[in-house]
Amino acid sequence: MKAELLTLPTPDGPFTIIARDGEVLASGWTAEPDDLTGQVHPLLRPSEVVAVLEMGSVSEAVEAYYAGNPDPAMQVPVLQKSGPFRSHAWDMLRTVSPGKPVTYAQYAMLAGNPLAVRAAASACAFNAAALFVPCHRVIRTDGTLGGFRWGLAVKESLLARETR
């Protein structure tokens, strides 16, 4: 299966997207496609990736996000594969409002199992579609940032941008 690759400049550094048929398979703040391909589930991993200059509504959503409108990114189709809890948790993450981060415990509740805080944190860690599935909106109970695959400086920047 063939996928498209696009890297966009952003205030937080290069943002690369791998998508197939308008659905995001992986994305993140890197200029290196290899940083993303390993995050795609093996059954969804493309056999070929072709660089493109734009991705229509996908790239427009990234541009809108950085222009101050995070809503279009939540409308972009995402294709990730995992077990039932993690898949549902990723869907629930897309309901977290910009500027209103939740704690890992609150995220576990949103995902349907308040006792599954570690599983919720794992869903964040294995989320391949950064920005479109906004794992940066989950923080620790004490208000500190916690982890983020793309670095705490990017997470802090995204959260600050969303509170404006």
N, C-alpha and C. Protein backbone atom coordinates (compact mmCIF):
# COMPACT_ATOMS: atom_id res chain seq x y z
N MET A 1 0.84 -1.17 0.00
CA MET A 1 0.00 0.00 0.00
C MET A 1 0.88 1.24 0.00
N LYS A 2 0.45 2.25 -0.71
CA LYS A 2 1.21 3.47 -0.91
C LYS A 2 0.63 4.59 -0.04
N ALA A 3 1.52 5.41 0.53
CA ALA A 3 1.09 6.54 1.35
C ALA A 3 1.80 7.80 0.89
N GLU A 4 1.29 8.93 1.34
CA GLU A 4 1.89 10.22 1.01
C GLU A 4 2.63 10.76 2.22
N LEU A 5 3.63 11.57 1.95
CA LEU A 5 4.48 12.17 2.98
C LEU A 5 4.56 13.67 2.74
N LEU A 6 4.36 14.42 3.79
CA LEU A 6 4.47 15.87 3.69
C LEU A 6 5.12 16.41 4.95
N THR A 7 6.08 17.31 4.80
CA THR A 7 6.68 18.00 5.93
C THR A 7 6.38 19.48 5.78
N LEU A 8 5.77 20.04 6.83
CA LEU A 8 5.40 21.46 6.86
C LEU A 8 6.25 22.18 7.89
N PRO A 9 6.66 23.41 7.60
CA PRO A 9 7.34 24.19 8.64
C PRO A 9 6.29 24.72 9.63
N THR A 10 6.61 24.67 10.92
CA THR A 10 5.74 25.23 11.95
C THR A 10 6.60 25.98 12.95
N PRO A 11 6.00 26.82 13.79
CA PRO A 11 6.77 27.49 14.83
C PRO A 11 7.43 26.52 15.82
N ASP A 12 6.93 25.27 15.86
CA ASP A 12 7.50 24.26 16.75
C ASP A 12 8.49 23.34 16.04
N GLY A 13 8.85 23.69 14.81
CA GLY A 13 9.78 22.87 14.04
C GLY A 13 9.05 22.15 12.93
N PRO A 14 9.77 21.37 12.13
CA PRO A 14 9.14 20.67 11.02
C PRO A 14 8.10 19.68 11.53
N PHE A 15 6.97 19.63 10.86
CA PHE A 15 5.87 18.72 11.22
C PHE A 15 5.63 17.83 10.02
N THR A 16 5.83 16.53 10.20
CA THR A 16 5.72 15.58 9.11
C THR A 16 4.47 14.72 9.29
N ILE A 17 3.82 14.47 8.16
CA ILE A 17 2.58 13.69 8.13
C ILE A 17 2.74 12.56 7.11
N ILE A 18 2.32 11.38 7.51
CA ILE A 18 2.19 10.26 6.59
C ILE A 18 0.70 9.92 6.55
N ALA A 19 0.12 9.95 5.35
CA ALA A 19 -1.31 9.72 5.20
C ALA A 19 -1.58 8.83 3.99
N ARG A 20 -2.72 8.16 4.07
CA ARG A 20 -3.17 7.32 2.96
C ARG A 20 -4.63 7.62 2.71
N ASP A 21 -4.97 7.97 1.50
CA ASP A 21 -6.36 8.26 1.13
C ASP A 21 -7.01 9.28 2.07
N GLY A 22 -6.25 10.30 2.45
CA GLY A 22 -6.78 11.35 3.29
C GLY A 22 -6.85 11.03 4.77
N GLU A 23 -6.38 9.86 5.17
CA GLU A 23 -6.37 9.46 6.57
C GLU A 23 -4.94 9.49 7.10
N VAL A 24 -4.73 10.15 8.23
CA VAL A 24 -3.41 10.24 8.83
C VAL A 24 -3.04 8.91 9.48
N LEU A 25 -1.89 8.39 9.07
CA LEU A 25 -1.34 7.18 9.69
C LEU A 25 -0.38 7.53 10.81
N ALA A 26 0.38 8.62 10.61
CA ALA A 26 1.35 9.06 11.61
C ALA A 26 1.71 10.51 11.35
N SER A 27 2.05 11.21 12.42
CA SER A 27 2.46 12.61 12.31
C SER A 27 3.24 13.01 13.55
N GLY A 28 4.10 14.00 13.38
CA GLY A 28 4.86 14.49 14.52
C GLY A 28 5.88 15.53 14.11
N TRP A 29 6.48 16.14 15.12
CA TRP A 29 7.42 17.24 14.91
C TRP A 29 8.81 16.69 14.65
N THR A 30 9.01 16.32 13.40
CA THR A 30 10.28 15.77 12.93
C THR A 30 10.36 15.99 11.43
N ALA A 31 11.56 16.01 10.91
CA ALA A 31 11.75 16.05 9.46
C ALA A 31 12.14 14.67 8.94
N GLU A 32 12.21 13.70 9.83
CA GLU A 32 12.66 12.36 9.48
C GLU A 32 11.49 11.38 9.40
N PRO A 33 11.10 10.95 8.22
CA PRO A 33 9.99 10.00 8.10
C PRO A 33 10.19 8.73 8.91
N ASP A 34 11.44 8.30 9.06
CA ASP A 34 11.72 7.09 9.83
C ASP A 34 11.29 7.23 11.29
N ASP A 35 11.21 8.47 11.80
CA ASP A 35 10.73 8.68 13.16
C ASP A 35 9.25 8.34 13.29
N LEU A 36 8.55 8.29 12.16
CA LEU A 36 7.10 8.05 12.16
C LEU A 36 6.71 6.65 11.72
N THR A 37 7.41 6.10 10.74
CA THR A 37 6.96 4.84 10.15
C THR A 37 6.91 3.71 11.17
N GLY A 38 7.81 3.70 12.13
CA GLY A 38 7.80 2.67 13.15
C GLY A 38 6.62 2.76 14.09
N GLN A 39 5.95 3.91 14.13
CA GLN A 39 4.79 4.09 14.99
C GLN A 39 3.50 3.58 14.35
N VAL A 40 3.54 3.34 13.05
CA VAL A 40 2.35 2.85 12.33
C VAL A 40 2.21 1.35 12.59
N HIS A 41 1.01 0.92 12.92
CA HIS A 41 0.75 -0.50 13.16
C HIS A 41 1.21 -1.30 11.94
N PRO A 42 1.85 -2.45 12.15
CA PRO A 42 2.37 -3.24 11.02
C PRO A 42 1.34 -3.55 9.94
N LEU A 43 0.08 -3.73 10.30
CA LEU A 43 -0.94 -4.03 9.29
C LEU A 43 -1.32 -2.80 8.46
N LEU A 44 -0.95 -1.62 8.95
CA LEU A 44 -1.26 -0.38 8.23
C LEU A 44 -0.03 0.26 7.59
N ARG A 45 1.14 -0.26 7.90
CA ARG A 45 2.39 0.34 7.44
C ARG A 45 2.48 0.30 5.92
N PRO A 46 2.72 1.47 5.32
CA PRO A 46 2.79 1.51 3.85
C PRO A 46 4.06 0.85 3.33
N SER A 47 3.95 0.26 2.16
CA SER A 47 5.13 -0.35 1.53
C SER A 47 5.92 0.70 0.76
N GLU A 48 5.24 1.81 0.42
CA GLU A 48 5.89 2.89 -0.32
C GLU A 48 5.35 4.22 0.21
N VAL A 49 6.25 5.20 0.35
CA VAL A 49 5.87 6.54 0.79
C VAL A 49 6.38 7.53 -0.24
N VAL A 50 5.46 8.35 -0.77
CA VAL A 50 5.77 9.30 -1.82
C VAL A 50 5.61 10.72 -1.29
N ALA A 51 6.63 11.55 -1.45
CA ALA A 51 6.56 12.94 -0.99
C ALA A 51 5.59 13.73 -1.87
N VAL A 52 4.79 14.57 -1.21
CA VAL A 52 3.83 15.44 -1.91
C VAL A 52 4.02 16.87 -1.42
N LEU A 53 3.44 17.83 -2.13
CA LEU A 53 3.57 19.24 -1.77
C LEU A 53 2.44 19.74 -0.88
N GLU A 54 1.33 19.00 -0.87
CA GLU A 54 0.21 19.36 0.00
C GLU A 54 -0.70 18.14 0.15
N MET A 55 -1.55 18.20 1.19
CA MET A 55 -2.47 17.09 1.46
C MET A 55 -3.90 17.57 1.64
N GLY A 56 -4.26 18.64 0.98
CA GLY A 56 -5.64 19.12 1.06
C GLY A 56 -6.05 19.48 2.47
N SER A 57 -7.15 18.91 2.93
CA SER A 57 -7.69 19.27 4.25
C SER A 57 -6.76 18.88 5.39
N VAL A 58 -5.89 17.91 5.18
CA VAL A 58 -4.95 17.50 6.23
C VAL A 58 -3.93 18.62 6.47
N SER A 59 -3.27 19.07 5.42
CA SER A 59 -2.28 20.14 5.60
C SER A 59 -2.97 21.46 5.94
N GLU A 60 -4.18 21.69 5.42
CA GLU A 60 -4.92 22.90 5.78
C GLU A 60 -5.25 22.93 7.27
N ALA A 61 -5.52 21.76 7.86
CA ALA A 61 -5.82 21.68 9.29
C ALA A 61 -4.60 22.06 10.14
N VAL A 62 -3.42 21.66 9.70
CA VAL A 62 -2.19 22.03 10.42
C VAL A 62 -1.99 23.55 10.32
N GLU A 63 -2.17 24.09 9.13
CA GLU A 63 -2.04 25.54 8.96
C GLU A 63 -3.07 26.29 9.79
N ALA A 64 -4.30 25.80 9.85
CA ALA A 64 -5.34 26.43 10.67
C ALA A 64 -4.97 26.37 12.15
N TYR A 65 -4.43 25.23 12.58
CA TYR A 65 -4.02 25.09 13.98
C TYR A 65 -3.03 26.20 14.35
N TYR A 66 -2.02 26.36 13.53
CA TYR A 66 -1.00 27.36 13.83
C TYR A 66 -1.47 28.79 13.58
N ALA A 67 -2.59 28.95 12.90
CA ALA A 67 -3.19 30.28 12.71
C ALA A 67 -4.17 30.59 13.84
N GLY A 68 -4.32 29.66 14.79
CA GLY A 68 -5.17 29.92 15.96
C GLY A 68 -6.48 29.16 15.99
N ASN A 69 -6.72 28.26 15.04
CA ASN A 69 -7.96 27.50 15.02
C ASN A 69 -7.65 26.00 15.08
N PRO A 70 -7.71 25.40 16.28
CA PRO A 70 -7.38 23.99 16.41
C PRO A 70 -8.49 23.03 15.98
N ASP A 71 -9.69 23.54 15.74
CA ASP A 71 -10.83 22.66 15.46
C ASP A 71 -10.68 21.80 14.20
N PRO A 72 -10.21 22.32 13.07
CA PRO A 72 -10.12 21.47 11.87
C PRO A 72 -9.26 20.21 12.06
N ALA A 73 -8.26 20.26 12.91
CA ALA A 73 -7.41 19.08 13.13
C ALA A 73 -8.21 17.92 13.71
N MET A 74 -9.28 18.23 14.47
CA MET A 74 -10.09 17.17 15.06
C MET A 74 -11.05 16.55 14.04
N GLN A 75 -11.18 17.17 12.88
CA GLN A 75 -12.05 16.64 11.83
C GLN A 75 -11.28 15.78 10.81
N VAL A 76 -9.96 15.82 10.89
CA VAL A 76 -9.14 15.04 9.96
C VAL A 76 -9.24 13.55 10.31
N PRO A 77 -9.57 12.71 9.35
CA PRO A 77 -9.62 11.27 9.63
C PRO A 77 -8.24 10.72 9.99
N VAL A 78 -8.23 9.85 10.99
CA VAL A 78 -7.00 9.22 11.47
C VAL A 78 -7.20 7.71 11.40
N LEU A 79 -6.18 6.99 10.98
CA LEU A 79 -6.25 5.54 10.92
C LEU A 79 -5.14 4.97 11.80
N GLN A 80 -5.55 4.44 12.96
CA GLN A 80 -4.64 3.76 13.87
C GLN A 80 -5.28 2.43 14.23
N LYS A 81 -4.47 1.48 14.60
CA LYS A 81 -4.99 0.16 14.94
C LYS A 81 -4.39 -0.29 16.27
N SER A 82 -5.26 -0.80 17.14
CA SER A 82 -4.83 -1.35 18.42
C SER A 82 -5.99 -2.13 19.00
N GLY A 83 -5.89 -2.43 20.28
CA GLY A 83 -6.97 -3.13 20.97
C GLY A 83 -8.13 -2.19 21.26
N PRO A 84 -9.24 -2.73 21.78
CA PRO A 84 -10.44 -1.93 21.99
C PRO A 84 -10.25 -0.76 22.96
N PHE A 85 -9.55 -0.95 24.07
CA PHE A 85 -9.39 0.16 25.02
C PHE A 85 -8.59 1.29 24.40
N ARG A 86 -7.45 0.98 23.83
CA ARG A 86 -6.58 2.02 23.27
C ARG A 86 -7.27 2.74 22.11
N SER A 87 -7.94 2.01 21.24
CA SER A 87 -8.64 2.64 20.12
C SER A 87 -9.72 3.60 20.63
N HIS A 88 -10.48 3.17 21.62
CA HIS A 88 -11.51 4.03 22.20
C HIS A 88 -10.86 5.23 22.90
N ALA A 89 -9.76 4.99 23.58
CA ALA A 89 -9.06 6.07 24.28
C ALA A 89 -8.59 7.13 23.28
N TRP A 90 -8.09 6.72 22.13
CA TRP A 90 -7.67 7.68 21.11
C TRP A 90 -8.87 8.50 20.63
N ASP A 91 -10.00 7.84 20.44
CA ASP A 91 -11.21 8.57 20.03
C ASP A 91 -11.60 9.60 21.09
N MET A 92 -11.53 9.21 22.35
CA MET A 92 -11.91 10.11 23.44
C MET A 92 -10.94 11.29 23.56
N LEU A 93 -9.70 11.05 23.24
CA LEU A 93 -8.70 12.13 23.29
C LEU A 93 -9.08 13.27 22.35
N ARG A 94 -9.72 12.93 21.26
CA ARG A 94 -10.13 13.95 20.29
C ARG A 94 -11.29 14.81 20.80
N THR A 95 -11.87 14.42 21.94
CA THR A 95 -12.96 15.22 22.53
C THR A 95 -12.45 16.20 23.57
N VAL A 96 -11.18 16.11 23.94
CA VAL A 96 -10.61 17.03 24.94
C VAL A 96 -10.47 18.40 24.30
N SER A 97 -11.06 19.39 24.93
CA SER A 97 -11.08 20.75 24.36
C SER A 97 -9.71 21.41 24.43
N PRO A 98 -9.36 22.16 23.40
CA PRO A 98 -8.12 22.94 23.43
C PRO A 98 -8.17 23.93 24.60
N GLY A 99 -7.05 24.09 25.26
CA GLY A 99 -6.98 25.02 26.38
C GLY A 99 -7.51 24.46 27.68
N LYS A 100 -7.98 23.20 27.65
CA LYS A 100 -8.53 22.57 28.85
C LYS A 100 -7.94 21.16 29.01
N PRO A 101 -6.63 21.10 29.28
CA PRO A 101 -6.01 19.78 29.39
C PRO A 101 -6.63 18.96 30.52
N VAL A 102 -6.54 17.65 30.39
CA VAL A 102 -7.03 16.74 31.41
C VAL A 102 -5.85 16.00 32.01
N THR A 103 -6.05 15.49 33.22
CA THR A 103 -5.01 14.67 33.84
C THR A 103 -5.10 13.25 33.29
N TYR A 104 -4.06 12.47 33.54
CA TYR A 104 -4.09 11.08 33.11
C TYR A 104 -5.26 10.35 33.77
N ALA A 105 -5.57 10.66 35.02
CA ALA A 105 -6.71 10.03 35.72
C ALA A 105 -8.03 10.43 35.06
N GLN A 106 -8.17 11.70 34.71
CA GLN A 106 -9.39 12.15 34.03
C GLN A 106 -9.50 11.50 32.64
N TYR A 107 -8.37 11.36 31.99
CA TYR A 107 -8.35 10.73 30.67
C TYR A 107 -8.78 9.26 30.78
N ALA A 108 -8.33 8.57 31.81
CA ALA A 108 -8.75 7.17 32.02
C ALA A 108 -10.27 7.10 32.20
N MET A 109 -10.82 8.07 32.93
CA MET A 109 -12.29 8.12 33.10
C MET A 109 -12.98 8.36 31.76
N LEU A 110 -12.46 9.31 30.98
CA LEU A 110 -13.03 9.57 29.66
C LEU A 110 -13.02 8.32 28.79
N ALA A 111 -11.96 7.53 28.93
CA ALA A 111 -11.79 6.32 28.13
C ALA A 111 -12.64 5.17 28.65
N GLY A 112 -13.34 5.40 29.78
CA GLY A 112 -14.28 4.40 30.26
C GLY A 112 -13.80 3.50 31.38
N ASN A 113 -12.59 3.70 31.88
CA ASN A 113 -12.10 2.88 32.98
C ASN A 113 -11.23 3.73 33.91
N PRO A 114 -11.83 4.28 34.97
CA PRO A 114 -11.09 5.16 35.86
C PRO A 114 -9.88 4.50 36.53
N LEU A 115 -9.86 3.18 36.57
CA LEU A 115 -8.73 2.47 37.18
C LEU A 115 -7.58 2.25 36.19
N ALA A 116 -7.79 2.57 34.93
CA ALA A 116 -6.81 2.27 33.89
C ALA A 116 -5.92 3.47 33.57
N VAL A 117 -5.38 4.10 34.60
CA VAL A 117 -4.55 5.29 34.39
C VAL A 117 -3.30 4.94 33.60
N ARG A 118 -2.67 3.83 33.93
CA ARG A 118 -1.47 3.43 33.17
C ARG A 118 -1.80 3.07 31.73
N ALA A 119 -2.93 2.43 31.51
CA ALA A 119 -3.35 2.10 30.14
C ALA A 119 -3.64 3.38 29.36
N ALA A 120 -4.22 4.37 30.02
CA ALA A 120 -4.49 5.65 29.36
C ALA A 120 -3.17 6.33 28.99
N ALA A 121 -2.21 6.31 29.91
CA ALA A 121 -0.90 6.88 29.62
C ALA A 121 -0.24 6.14 28.47
N SER A 122 -0.43 4.83 28.42
CA SER A 122 0.11 4.02 27.33
C SER A 122 -0.53 4.40 25.99
N ALA A 123 -1.83 4.71 26.01
CA ALA A 123 -2.50 5.14 24.78
C ALA A 123 -1.86 6.43 24.27
N CYS A 124 -1.51 7.32 25.17
CA CYS A 124 -0.81 8.55 24.76
C CYS A 124 0.55 8.21 24.16
N ALA A 125 1.27 7.33 24.83
CA ALA A 125 2.62 6.99 24.39
C ALA A 125 2.63 6.31 23.02
N PHE A 126 1.58 5.55 22.71
CA PHE A 126 1.54 4.82 21.44
C PHE A 126 0.72 5.52 20.37
N ASN A 127 0.29 6.74 20.64
CA ASN A 127 -0.45 7.51 19.66
C ASN A 127 0.49 7.93 18.54
N ALA A 128 0.21 7.47 17.34
CA ALA A 128 1.08 7.79 16.20
C ALA A 128 0.70 9.10 15.52
N ALA A 129 -0.51 9.60 15.76
CA ALA A 129 -1.04 10.74 15.01
C ALA A 129 -1.06 12.01 15.86
N ALA A 130 0.11 12.45 16.28
CA ALA A 130 0.22 13.65 17.12
C ALA A 130 -0.46 14.83 16.42
N LEU A 131 -0.99 15.72 17.19
CA LEU A 131 -1.77 16.89 16.82
C LEU A 131 -3.20 16.49 16.45
N PHE A 132 -3.38 15.52 15.56
CA PHE A 132 -4.71 15.10 15.14
C PHE A 132 -5.41 14.28 16.23
N VAL A 133 -4.64 13.56 17.02
CA VAL A 133 -5.10 12.91 18.25
C VAL A 133 -4.26 13.57 19.33
N PRO A 134 -4.83 14.58 20.00
CA PRO A 134 -4.03 15.52 20.80
C PRO A 134 -3.57 15.00 22.17
N CYS A 135 -2.64 14.08 22.15
CA CYS A 135 -2.12 13.53 23.40
C CYS A 135 -1.38 14.59 24.21
N HIS A 136 -1.02 15.70 23.58
CA HIS A 136 -0.36 16.78 24.33
C HIS A 136 -1.32 17.42 25.35
N ARG A 137 -2.61 17.15 25.24
CA ARG A 137 -3.60 17.73 26.15
C ARG A 137 -3.79 16.92 27.42
N VAL A 138 -2.90 15.96 27.67
CA VAL A 138 -2.97 15.16 28.90
C VAL A 138 -1.74 15.49 29.73
N ILE A 139 -2.00 15.83 31.00
CA ILE A 139 -0.92 16.23 31.92
C ILE A 139 -1.02 15.41 33.20
N ARG A 140 -0.01 15.54 34.03
CA ARG A 140 0.00 14.84 35.32
C ARG A 140 -0.98 15.50 36.29
N THR A 141 -1.37 14.74 37.30
CA THR A 141 -2.30 15.23 38.32
C THR A 141 -1.76 16.44 39.04
N ASP A 142 -0.44 16.52 39.21
CA ASP A 142 0.15 17.66 39.92
C ASP A 142 0.31 18.89 39.03
N GLY A 143 -0.18 18.80 37.78
CA GLY A 143 -0.13 19.94 36.87
C GLY A 143 1.13 20.01 36.02
N THR A 144 2.10 19.14 36.28
CA THR A 144 3.30 19.13 35.43
C THR A 144 2.97 18.44 34.11
N LEU A 145 3.83 18.65 33.13
CA LEU A 145 3.52 18.21 31.77
C LEU A 145 3.50 16.70 31.57
N GLY A 146 4.33 15.97 32.27
CA GLY A 146 4.46 14.54 31.97
C GLY A 146 5.35 14.38 30.75
N GLY A 147 5.18 13.31 30.01
CA GLY A 147 6.03 13.07 28.85
C GLY A 147 5.37 13.49 27.55
N PHE A 148 6.18 13.49 26.50
CA PHE A 148 5.69 13.77 25.15
C PHE A 148 6.77 13.34 24.17
N ARG A 149 6.42 12.48 23.24
CA ARG A 149 7.40 11.93 22.29
C ARG A 149 8.18 13.02 21.58
N TRP A 150 7.57 14.16 21.32
CA TRP A 150 8.20 15.21 20.53
C TRP A 150 8.88 16.27 21.39
N GLY A 151 8.99 16.00 22.68
CA GLY A 151 9.71 16.89 23.58
C GLY A 151 8.78 17.79 24.38
N LEU A 152 9.20 18.07 25.60
CA LEU A 152 8.36 18.89 26.49
C LEU A 152 8.26 20.33 26.01
N ALA A 153 9.27 20.83 25.32
CA ALA A 153 9.19 22.20 24.80
C ALA A 153 8.06 22.32 23.78
N VAL A 154 7.88 21.31 22.93
CA VAL A 154 6.79 21.33 21.95
C VAL A 154 5.45 21.21 22.68
N LYS A 155 5.35 20.30 23.65
CA LYS A 155 4.11 20.14 24.41
C LYS A 155 3.72 21.44 25.10
N GLU A 156 4.68 22.05 25.74
CA GLU A 156 4.44 23.33 26.42
C GLU A 156 3.98 24.40 25.44
N SER A 157 4.60 24.46 24.28
CA SER A 157 4.23 25.42 23.25
C SER A 157 2.81 25.19 22.76
N LEU A 158 2.46 23.94 22.51
CA LEU A 158 1.11 23.61 22.04
C LEU A 158 0.06 23.99 23.07
N LEU A 159 0.32 23.65 24.33
CA LEU A 159 -0.65 23.97 25.39
C LEU A 159 -0.78 25.48 25.56
N ALA A 160 0.33 26.20 25.49
CA ALA A 160 0.29 27.66 25.62
C ALA A 160 -0.48 28.27 24.44
N ARG A 161 -0.26 27.75 23.25
CA ARG A 161 -0.95 28.25 22.05
C ARG A 161 -2.45 28.06 22.20
N GLU A 162 -2.86 26.94 22.78
CA GLU A 162 -4.29 26.63 22.90
C GLU A 162 -4.99 27.41 24.01
N THR A 163 -4.24 28.00 24.92
CA THR A 163 -4.88 28.80 25.97
C THR A 163 -5.04 30.26 25.57
N ARG A 164 -4.45 30.65 24.44
CA ARG A 164 -4.58 32.03 23.98
C ARG A 164 -5.95 32.30 23.42
